[in-house]
C-alpha cells in the first residue's frame, strides 16, 4: 500500500550516506538521485524511503508524531539496526525492548535531522 515515505533533510549527502549505510543489509541503495530528492530502497517496485530538501526552500522540520517504521526481521536485527544507527550519528529515542508482551519488540532513534525511525519485529 505504501510506495514511499519522504523525510525532509538539511544535508542530502549526509542523509543518503546515513540511510544507505544503515539499510544496506536489507538490500537498500539509492535508486533515483536527483538534485533535491533521492529514493532509497531495494527496487522501484518495493516500498522506498525518500530523503529530500523541502520544496519551498524553508528548513526541514521533523514531524511531532511522525515516524518511519522499518521491519528488522528479528529481535536481534532490531538491536543491530538500533546500534548501527547510533554509530552512524542517530540519537536514542527508545532503546531496544519488548514493548507489548509477545506482540511487539522495537527500538527508536532520531536520524541526524531529527526524524524518528523505528525498527521492529512482531512477536
N, C-alpha and C. Protein backbone atom coordinates (compact mmCIF):
# COMPACT_ATOMS: atom_id res chain seq x y z
N UNK A 1 0.81 -1.20 0.00
CA UNK A 1 0.00 0.00 0.00
C UNK A 1 0.85 1.26 0.00
N UNK A 2 2.07 1.19 0.49
CA UNK A 2 2.91 2.38 0.54
C UNK A 2 3.98 2.28 -0.53
N UNK A 3 4.07 3.32 -1.37
CA UNK A 3 5.10 3.37 -2.40
C UNK A 3 6.40 3.91 -1.86
N UNK A 4 6.31 5.03 -1.14
CA UNK A 4 7.49 5.59 -0.48
C UNK A 4 7.05 6.56 0.60
N UNK A 5 7.97 6.78 1.54
CA UNK A 5 7.80 7.75 2.61
C UNK A 5 8.92 8.76 2.43
N UNK A 6 8.62 10.04 2.59
CA UNK A 6 9.62 11.09 2.41
C UNK A 6 9.97 11.73 3.74
N UNK A 7 11.27 11.91 3.96
CA UNK A 7 11.76 12.62 5.14
C UNK A 7 12.49 13.86 4.69
N UNK A 8 12.15 14.99 5.28
CA UNK A 8 12.85 16.23 4.99
C UNK A 8 14.20 16.25 5.68
N UNK A 9 15.23 16.67 4.95
CA UNK A 9 16.59 16.69 5.50
C UNK A 9 17.25 18.03 5.18
N UNK A 10 18.33 18.31 5.89
CA UNK A 10 19.06 19.55 5.65
C UNK A 10 20.32 19.33 4.83
N UNK A 11 20.81 18.09 4.77
CA UNK A 11 22.06 17.78 4.07
C UNK A 11 21.85 16.48 3.30
N UNK A 12 21.67 16.59 2.00
CA UNK A 12 21.37 15.41 1.17
C UNK A 12 22.48 14.37 1.23
N UNK A 13 23.73 14.78 1.11
CA UNK A 13 24.83 13.81 1.12
C UNK A 13 24.86 13.05 2.44
N UNK A 14 24.70 13.76 3.55
CA UNK A 14 24.69 13.11 4.86
C UNK A 14 23.52 12.14 4.98
N UNK A 15 22.34 12.55 4.54
CA UNK A 15 21.15 11.70 4.64
C UNK A 15 21.29 10.45 3.78
N UNK A 16 21.78 10.60 2.55
CA UNK A 16 21.96 9.42 1.68
C UNK A 16 22.99 8.46 2.29
N UNK A 17 24.08 9.00 2.82
CA UNK A 17 25.10 8.15 3.44
C UNK A 17 24.54 7.44 4.67
N UNK A 18 23.78 8.16 5.50
CA UNK A 18 23.20 7.57 6.71
C UNK A 18 22.27 6.41 6.35
N UNK A 19 21.30 6.65 5.46
CA UNK A 19 20.29 5.63 5.18
C UNK A 19 20.82 4.48 4.32
N UNK A 20 21.73 4.73 3.39
CA UNK A 20 22.27 3.60 2.61
C UNK A 20 23.18 2.75 3.48
N UNK A 21 23.93 3.36 4.39
CA UNK A 21 24.76 2.58 5.32
C UNK A 21 23.88 1.80 6.30
N UNK A 22 22.89 2.47 6.85
CA UNK A 22 22.01 1.85 7.83
C UNK A 22 21.21 0.69 7.24
N UNK A 23 20.66 0.89 6.05
CA UNK A 23 19.73 -0.09 5.47
C UNK A 23 20.36 -0.98 4.40
N UNK A 24 21.65 -0.87 4.21
CA UNK A 24 22.34 -1.68 3.21
C UNK A 24 22.15 -3.17 3.41
N UNK A 25 22.10 -3.63 4.67
CA UNK A 25 21.91 -5.06 4.93
C UNK A 25 20.54 -5.56 4.49
N UNK A 26 19.60 -4.65 4.28
CA UNK A 26 18.28 -5.02 3.77
C UNK A 26 18.24 -4.94 2.24
N UNK A 27 19.37 -4.64 1.63
CA UNK A 27 19.44 -4.53 0.17
C UNK A 27 19.15 -3.14 -0.35
N UNK A 28 19.08 -2.15 0.54
CA UNK A 28 18.74 -0.79 0.13
C UNK A 28 19.94 -0.08 -0.49
N UNK A 29 19.63 0.70 -1.51
CA UNK A 29 20.63 1.54 -2.17
C UNK A 29 19.89 2.73 -2.78
N UNK A 30 20.62 3.75 -3.20
CA UNK A 30 19.99 4.88 -3.87
C UNK A 30 19.53 4.41 -5.25
N UNK A 31 18.23 4.50 -5.49
CA UNK A 31 17.65 4.05 -6.75
C UNK A 31 17.45 5.19 -7.73
N UNK A 32 17.11 6.35 -7.22
CA UNK A 32 16.93 7.56 -8.03
C UNK A 32 17.54 8.70 -7.25
N UNK A 33 18.41 9.45 -7.91
CA UNK A 33 19.12 10.52 -7.23
C UNK A 33 19.00 11.80 -8.05
N UNK A 34 18.17 12.71 -7.56
CA UNK A 34 18.00 13.99 -8.22
C UNK A 34 18.57 15.08 -7.32
N UNK A 35 18.54 16.28 -7.75
CA UNK A 35 19.18 17.36 -7.01
C UNK A 35 18.69 17.49 -5.57
N UNK A 36 17.38 17.50 -5.36
CA UNK A 36 16.86 17.74 -4.02
C UNK A 36 16.11 16.56 -3.41
N UNK A 37 16.08 15.42 -4.12
CA UNK A 37 15.40 14.24 -3.59
C UNK A 37 16.12 12.98 -4.07
N UNK A 38 16.18 11.99 -3.20
CA UNK A 38 16.75 10.70 -3.55
C UNK A 38 15.84 9.61 -3.00
N UNK A 39 15.64 8.56 -3.79
CA UNK A 39 14.82 7.42 -3.39
C UNK A 39 15.74 6.26 -3.06
N UNK A 40 15.56 5.69 -1.87
CA UNK A 40 16.41 4.61 -1.37
C UNK A 40 15.54 3.39 -1.13
N UNK A 41 15.97 2.25 -1.66
CA UNK A 41 15.22 1.02 -1.47
C UNK A 41 15.87 -0.14 -2.17
N UNK A 42 15.15 -1.27 -2.24
CA UNK A 42 15.65 -2.47 -2.91
C UNK A 42 15.47 -2.37 -4.42
N UNK A 43 14.28 -1.93 -4.83
CA UNK A 43 13.96 -1.77 -6.25
C UNK A 43 12.76 -0.84 -6.36
N UNK A 44 12.51 -0.36 -7.57
CA UNK A 44 11.45 0.63 -7.77
C UNK A 44 10.05 0.08 -7.52
N UNK A 45 9.90 -1.24 -7.48
CA UNK A 45 8.60 -1.84 -7.25
C UNK A 45 8.30 -2.12 -5.79
N UNK A 46 9.27 -1.91 -4.91
CA UNK A 46 9.10 -2.14 -3.47
C UNK A 46 9.00 -0.80 -2.74
N UNK A 47 8.45 -0.79 -1.53
CA UNK A 47 8.39 0.46 -0.77
C UNK A 47 9.79 1.07 -0.62
N UNK A 48 9.84 2.40 -0.71
CA UNK A 48 11.11 3.11 -0.65
C UNK A 48 11.05 4.20 0.42
N UNK A 49 12.23 4.66 0.79
CA UNK A 49 12.40 5.80 1.66
C UNK A 49 13.01 6.90 0.81
N UNK A 50 12.38 8.06 0.79
CA UNK A 50 12.93 9.19 0.05
C UNK A 50 13.43 10.22 1.05
N UNK A 51 14.57 10.83 0.74
CA UNK A 51 15.08 11.95 1.53
C UNK A 51 15.12 13.16 0.61
N UNK A 52 14.71 14.31 1.14
CA UNK A 52 14.68 15.48 0.27
C UNK A 52 14.84 16.76 1.07
N UNK A 53 15.33 17.77 0.40
CA UNK A 53 15.29 19.10 0.98
C UNK A 53 13.91 19.66 0.63
N UNK A 54 13.27 20.39 1.53
CA UNK A 54 11.91 20.87 1.29
C UNK A 54 11.79 21.69 0.00
N UNK A 55 10.72 21.46 -0.72
CA UNK A 55 10.45 22.12 -2.00
C UNK A 55 10.38 23.63 -1.86
N UNK A 56 9.84 24.10 -0.73
CA UNK A 56 9.66 25.55 -0.55
C UNK A 56 10.95 26.27 -0.15
N UNK A 57 12.05 25.53 0.02
CA UNK A 57 13.32 26.14 0.36
C UNK A 57 13.48 26.49 1.83
N UNK A 58 12.43 26.27 2.62
CA UNK A 58 12.49 26.53 4.06
C UNK A 58 13.21 25.37 4.75
N UNK A 59 13.66 25.57 5.99
CA UNK A 59 14.32 24.48 6.72
C UNK A 59 13.39 23.30 6.93
N UNK A 60 13.98 22.10 6.96
CA UNK A 60 13.18 20.91 7.25
C UNK A 60 12.82 20.91 8.74
N UNK A 61 11.69 20.29 9.07
CA UNK A 61 11.24 20.13 10.45
C UNK A 61 10.68 18.73 10.61
N UNK A 62 11.27 17.94 11.51
CA UNK A 62 10.70 16.61 11.74
C UNK A 62 9.30 16.74 12.34
N UNK A 63 8.41 15.88 11.93
CA UNK A 63 7.04 15.92 12.43
C UNK A 63 6.93 15.37 13.84
N UNK A 64 6.12 16.00 14.66
CA UNK A 64 5.86 15.51 16.00
C UNK A 64 4.76 14.46 15.90
N UNK A 65 5.12 13.21 16.15
CA UNK A 65 4.18 12.11 15.99
C UNK A 65 4.40 11.36 14.69
N UNK A 66 5.20 11.90 13.78
CA UNK A 66 5.51 11.21 12.54
C UNK A 66 6.68 10.26 12.78
N UNK A 67 6.64 9.09 12.12
CA UNK A 67 7.70 8.11 12.31
C UNK A 67 7.69 7.15 11.12
N UNK A 68 8.87 6.71 10.74
CA UNK A 68 9.01 5.66 9.74
C UNK A 68 9.38 4.39 10.50
N UNK A 69 8.64 3.31 10.29
CA UNK A 69 8.90 2.04 10.97
C UNK A 69 9.42 1.03 9.96
N UNK A 70 10.57 0.45 10.27
CA UNK A 70 11.25 -0.47 9.36
C UNK A 70 11.27 -1.86 9.97
N UNK A 71 10.68 -2.86 9.28
CA UNK A 71 10.71 -4.22 9.82
C UNK A 71 12.13 -4.77 9.77
N UNK A 72 12.62 -5.21 10.92
CA UNK A 72 14.01 -5.65 11.02
C UNK A 72 14.20 -7.13 10.67
N UNK A 73 13.19 -7.95 10.91
CA UNK A 73 13.28 -9.37 10.59
C UNK A 73 13.50 -10.27 11.79
N UNK A 74 13.99 -9.72 12.90
CA UNK A 74 14.16 -10.47 14.14
C UNK A 74 14.45 -9.48 15.26
N UNK A 75 14.32 -9.95 16.49
CA UNK A 75 14.65 -9.10 17.63
C UNK A 75 16.14 -8.75 17.62
N UNK A 76 16.97 -9.72 17.24
CA UNK A 76 18.40 -9.47 17.16
C UNK A 76 18.71 -8.40 16.12
N UNK A 77 17.99 -8.43 15.02
CA UNK A 77 18.19 -7.42 13.97
C UNK A 77 17.72 -6.05 14.43
N UNK A 78 16.65 -5.99 15.23
CA UNK A 78 16.22 -4.70 15.81
C UNK A 78 17.38 -4.11 16.60
N UNK A 79 17.99 -4.93 17.45
CA UNK A 79 19.13 -4.46 18.25
C UNK A 79 20.26 -3.98 17.36
N UNK A 80 20.57 -4.75 16.32
CA UNK A 80 21.68 -4.41 15.42
C UNK A 80 21.41 -3.11 14.68
N UNK A 81 20.19 -2.93 14.15
CA UNK A 81 19.86 -1.69 13.45
C UNK A 81 19.93 -0.49 14.39
N UNK A 82 19.43 -0.66 15.60
CA UNK A 82 19.48 0.42 16.59
C UNK A 82 20.93 0.85 16.83
N UNK A 83 21.79 -0.12 17.12
CA UNK A 83 23.19 0.21 17.43
C UNK A 83 23.92 0.78 16.21
N UNK A 84 23.62 0.28 15.03
CA UNK A 84 24.24 0.82 13.82
C UNK A 84 23.80 2.26 13.59
N UNK A 85 22.51 2.53 13.80
CA UNK A 85 22.01 3.90 13.63
C UNK A 85 22.71 4.86 14.58
N UNK A 86 22.89 4.43 15.83
CA UNK A 86 23.58 5.27 16.82
C UNK A 86 25.02 5.52 16.36
N UNK A 87 25.70 4.47 15.88
CA UNK A 87 27.07 4.61 15.39
C UNK A 87 27.16 5.58 14.22
N UNK A 88 26.09 5.63 13.40
CA UNK A 88 26.06 6.50 12.22
C UNK A 88 25.64 7.93 12.54
N UNK A 89 25.36 8.22 13.80
CA UNK A 89 25.04 9.60 14.18
C UNK A 89 23.62 9.84 14.64
N UNK A 90 22.79 8.79 14.71
CA UNK A 90 21.44 8.94 15.23
C UNK A 90 21.50 9.10 16.75
N UNK A 91 20.40 9.57 17.32
CA UNK A 91 20.29 9.65 18.78
C UNK A 91 19.18 8.72 19.24
N UNK A 92 19.31 8.24 20.46
CA UNK A 92 18.34 7.30 21.03
C UNK A 92 17.02 8.00 21.29
N UNK A 93 15.94 7.34 20.92
CA UNK A 93 14.60 7.81 21.26
C UNK A 93 13.80 6.68 21.89
N UNK A 94 14.51 5.61 22.30
CA UNK A 94 13.90 4.45 22.94
C UNK A 94 14.73 3.21 22.66
N UNK A 95 15.47 2.74 23.65
CA UNK A 95 16.33 1.58 23.46
C UNK A 95 15.53 0.34 23.08
N UNK A 96 16.19 -0.65 22.45
CA UNK A 96 15.50 -1.87 22.07
C UNK A 96 14.86 -2.56 23.26
N UNK A 97 13.67 -3.09 23.04
CA UNK A 97 13.00 -3.82 24.10
C UNK A 97 11.61 -4.28 23.69
N UNK A 98 11.08 -5.19 24.49
CA UNK A 98 9.74 -5.72 24.29
C UNK A 98 8.75 -4.65 24.73
N UNK A 99 7.97 -4.11 23.82
CA UNK A 99 7.02 -3.05 24.14
C UNK A 99 5.66 -3.62 24.55
N UNK A 100 5.21 -4.63 23.83
CA UNK A 100 3.95 -5.31 24.13
C UNK A 100 4.30 -6.79 24.28
N UNK A 101 4.09 -7.38 25.46
CA UNK A 101 4.49 -8.77 25.68
C UNK A 101 4.01 -9.71 24.57
N UNK A 102 4.96 -10.46 24.03
CA UNK A 102 4.71 -11.47 22.99
C UNK A 102 4.11 -10.90 21.70
N UNK A 103 4.12 -9.56 21.54
CA UNK A 103 3.48 -8.99 20.35
C UNK A 103 4.38 -8.02 19.59
N UNK A 104 5.17 -7.19 20.30
CA UNK A 104 5.91 -6.14 19.61
C UNK A 104 7.22 -5.84 20.32
N UNK A 105 8.32 -5.97 19.58
CA UNK A 105 9.65 -5.63 20.06
C UNK A 105 10.14 -4.50 19.18
N UNK A 106 10.65 -3.43 19.78
CA UNK A 106 11.05 -2.29 18.96
C UNK A 106 12.14 -1.44 19.58
N UNK A 107 12.71 -0.59 18.73
CA UNK A 107 13.71 0.39 19.13
C UNK A 107 13.47 1.65 18.32
N UNK A 108 13.84 2.81 18.88
CA UNK A 108 13.55 4.08 18.25
C UNK A 108 14.77 4.99 18.26
N UNK A 109 15.00 5.66 17.13
CA UNK A 109 16.10 6.61 17.02
C UNK A 109 15.60 7.87 16.32
N UNK A 110 16.39 8.92 16.43
CA UNK A 110 16.21 10.14 15.64
C UNK A 110 17.40 10.23 14.70
N UNK A 111 17.16 10.35 13.41
CA UNK A 111 18.26 10.47 12.45
C UNK A 111 18.97 11.80 12.65
N UNK A 112 20.07 12.07 11.93
CA UNK A 112 20.80 13.32 12.14
C UNK A 112 19.98 14.59 11.92
N UNK A 113 18.84 14.50 11.22
CA UNK A 113 17.96 15.66 11.03
C UNK A 113 16.80 15.68 12.02
N UNK A 114 16.74 14.71 12.93
CA UNK A 114 15.69 14.68 13.94
C UNK A 114 14.47 13.86 13.57
N UNK A 115 14.46 13.21 12.40
CA UNK A 115 13.33 12.38 12.00
C UNK A 115 13.31 11.10 12.83
N UNK A 116 12.13 10.68 13.28
CA UNK A 116 12.01 9.50 14.12
C UNK A 116 11.89 8.25 13.25
N UNK A 117 12.70 7.24 13.60
CA UNK A 117 12.73 5.97 12.88
C UNK A 117 12.61 4.86 13.90
N UNK A 118 11.76 3.88 13.61
CA UNK A 118 11.62 2.70 14.47
C UNK A 118 12.09 1.48 13.71
N UNK A 119 12.65 0.53 14.45
CA UNK A 119 12.96 -0.79 13.92
C UNK A 119 12.12 -1.74 14.77
N UNK A 120 11.45 -2.70 14.13
CA UNK A 120 10.53 -3.53 14.89
C UNK A 120 10.50 -4.97 14.41
N UNK A 121 9.97 -5.80 15.29
CA UNK A 121 9.67 -7.20 15.00
C UNK A 121 8.39 -7.55 15.75
N UNK A 122 7.41 -8.08 15.06
CA UNK A 122 6.21 -8.55 15.74
C UNK A 122 6.50 -9.90 16.39
N UNK A 123 6.04 -10.05 17.62
CA UNK A 123 6.25 -11.31 18.33
C UNK A 123 7.06 -11.12 19.59
